Amino acid sequence: MVRPDGYACFYCALPVRLTGDHRHPGYGIVDHVAPAVPPIGPDGLPDLRVLHRFCNRALKSRLDNGQSGCGLILRRAWLGWATAQFEAGESEKHYGARHYERLGLHPDQLRSPRLFPKYWQVRKMRCASHACHYYAVAR
């Protein structure tokens, strides 16, 4: 799913933005592989990867510690939700790690909190679809 003129994110496999506001969650950055000593690639250079700014932060935080079973759809949903929040003008301080995990849903604010898992599944698919559409279309 790589555009001919860009790179795909290592974390969510969607194209990264290389132009525009550098604060945008989808803005592309280059990072080295997570181990303390980056493995050397076949060409003798450190192994680098391209990530969205948001995906890099999620990868390095407790949001995805590798044990949470965080799948590709959820990673894309987080990116889609963060992008929608950014475009709505919300500051990053307003939505924290818990909000990412819940994708903005609060069980206490629902009519029936026991239906939270169903609401969350719908929100997850909607946000993932938004991310796929937003980042697949040339911006």
Protein backbone atom coordinates (compact mmCIF):
# COMPACT_ATOMS: atom_id res chain seq x y z
CA MET A 1 0.00 0.00 0.00
CA VAL A 2 2.91 2.33 -0.69
CA ARG A 3 2.31 5.31 -2.90
CA PRO A 4 4.80 5.66 -5.75
CA ASP A 5 5.96 9.02 -4.38
CA GLY A 6 6.14 8.12 -0.67
CA TYR A 7 6.85 5.59 2.02
CA ALA A 8 4.69 3.29 4.10
CA CYS A 9 4.71 3.51 7.89
CA PHE A 10 6.52 0.64 9.58
CA TYR A 11 3.86 0.51 12.33
CA CYS A 12 0.53 0.74 10.48
CA ALA A 13 1.61 0.25 6.81
CA LEU A 14 -0.23 3.38 5.61
CA PRO A 15 1.55 6.06 3.54
CA VAL A 16 3.24 8.83 5.50
CA ARG A 17 2.90 12.57 4.89
CA LEU A 18 6.15 14.24 3.95
CA THR A 19 4.77 17.76 3.48
CA GLY A 20 2.61 20.10 5.49
CA ASP A 21 2.44 20.77 9.21
CA HIS A 22 5.13 18.81 11.07
CA ARG A 23 2.79 18.54 14.11
CA HIS A 24 0.32 16.45 12.08
CA PRO A 25 -0.01 12.88 13.48
CA GLY A 26 0.63 11.46 10.00
CA TYR A 27 3.78 13.44 9.32
CA GLY A 28 6.64 11.12 8.41
CA ILE A 29 9.76 10.75 10.51
CA VAL A 30 12.73 8.40 10.30
CA ASP A 31 13.68 6.33 13.32
CA HIS A 32 16.19 3.59 13.98
CA VAL A 33 15.14 0.14 15.06
CA ALA A 34 14.22 -0.06 18.76
CA PRO A 35 17.10 -2.18 20.21
CA ALA A 36 19.81 -0.26 22.09
CA VAL A 37 22.33 -1.16 19.40
CA PRO A 38 20.65 -0.95 16.01
CA PRO A 39 21.43 -3.98 13.87
CA ILE A 40 23.59 -3.25 10.88
CA GLY A 41 21.90 -3.84 7.55
CA PRO A 42 23.51 -5.72 4.65
CA ASP A 43 24.95 -2.48 3.31
CA GLY A 44 26.71 -1.71 6.63
CA LEU A 45 24.33 1.10 7.60
CA PRO A 46 21.98 1.16 10.61
CA ASP A 47 18.53 -0.31 9.98
CA LEU A 48 16.15 2.67 9.67
CA ARG A 49 12.38 2.80 9.36
CA VAL A 50 9.82 5.42 8.37
CA LEU A 51 6.95 6.05 10.78
CA HIS A 52 4.10 8.48 11.25
CA ARG A 53 4.85 10.90 14.08
CA PHE A 54 1.91 9.47 16.03
CA CYS A 55 2.88 5.85 15.33
CA ASN A 56 6.42 6.51 16.54
CA ARG A 57 5.08 7.92 19.80
CA ALA A 58 2.65 5.00 20.23
CA LEU A 59 5.39 2.47 19.52
CA LYS A 60 7.69 3.97 22.14
CA SER A 61 5.01 4.45 24.80
CA ARG A 62 2.98 2.02 26.83
CA LEU A 63 0.22 2.10 24.21
CA ASP A 64 1.70 -0.93 22.48
CA ASN A 65 4.22 -2.80 24.57
CA GLY A 66 4.23 -5.75 22.20
CA GLN A 67 2.19 -7.86 24.61
CA SER A 68 -1.15 -6.15 24.23
CA GLY A 69 -2.07 -7.98 21.04
CA CYS A 70 -2.51 -4.65 19.28
CA GLY A 71 -3.43 -5.56 15.73
CA LEU A 72 -3.06 -3.62 12.51
CA ILE A 73 -6.70 -2.48 12.52
CA LEU A 74 -6.38 -1.01 16.02
CA ARG A 75 -3.11 0.73 15.13
CA ARG A 76 -4.80 2.27 12.10
CA ALA A 77 -7.83 3.20 14.20
CA TRP A 78 -5.61 5.06 16.68
CA LEU A 79 -3.98 6.94 13.81
CA GLY A 80 -7.39 7.74 12.28
CA TRP A 81 -8.75 8.97 15.60
CA ALA A 82 -5.65 11.08 16.31
CA THR A 83 -5.86 12.58 12.81
CA ALA A 84 -9.54 13.44 13.24
CA GLN A 85 -8.77 15.06 16.62
CA PHE A 86 -5.89 17.04 15.12
CA GLU A 87 -8.03 18.30 12.24
CA ALA A 88 -10.77 19.28 14.71
CA GLY A 89 -8.22 21.51 16.42
CA GLU A 90 -7.85 19.49 19.62
CA SER A 91 -4.44 19.80 21.26
CA GLU A 92 -2.51 16.63 21.99
CA LYS A 93 -2.65 17.40 25.69
CA HIS A 94 -6.44 17.05 25.51
CA TYR A 95 -6.40 13.40 24.46
CA GLY A 96 -4.10 11.09 26.37
CA ALA A 97 -3.20 7.41 26.32
CA ARG A 98 -6.50 6.30 27.83
CA HIS A 99 -8.39 8.17 25.16
CA TYR A 100 -6.35 6.47 22.46
CA GLU A 101 -7.14 3.06 23.91
CA ARG A 102 -10.84 3.93 24.07
CA LEU A 103 -10.82 5.88 20.79
CA GLY A 104 -12.57 8.74 22.55
CA LEU A 105 -15.39 6.68 24.04
CA HIS A 106 -16.20 7.00 27.73
CA PRO A 107 -18.32 4.18 29.22
CA ASP A 108 -19.86 6.54 31.77
CA GLN A 109 -21.15 8.82 29.03
CA LEU A 110 -22.97 6.08 27.12
CA ARG A 111 -26.67 5.39 27.67
CA SER A 112 -25.86 1.80 28.44
CA PRO A 113 -22.26 1.29 29.64
CA ARG A 114 -22.57 -2.47 29.21
CA LEU A 115 -22.74 -1.89 25.45
CA PHE A 116 -19.28 -0.27 25.46
CA PRO A 117 -17.61 -3.20 23.61
CA LYS A 118 -20.08 -2.91 20.73
CA TYR A 119 -19.71 0.85 20.51
CA TRP A 120 -15.94 0.44 20.65
CA GLN A 121 -15.90 -2.09 17.78
CA VAL A 122 -17.93 0.26 15.60
CA ARG A 123 -15.71 3.22 16.50
CA LYS A 124 -12.58 1.15 15.84
CA MET A 125 -13.71 0.18 12.35
CA ARG A 126 -14.88 3.71 11.55
CA CYS A 127 -11.57 5.24 12.67
CA ALA A 128 -9.52 2.62 10.81
CA SER A 129 -11.56 3.25 7.65
CA HIS A 130 -11.01 6.99 8.06
CA ALA A 131 -7.26 6.46 8.34
CA CYS A 132 -7.14 4.17 5.30
CA HIS A 133 -9.13 6.64 3.21
CA TYR A 134 -7.30 9.71 4.47
CA TYR A 135 -3.76 8.39 4.02
CA ALA A 136 -4.39 6.44 0.80
CA VAL A 137 -5.69 9.54 -0.98
CA ALA A 138 -2.94 11.90 -2.09
CA ARG A 139 -2.76 14.81 0.34
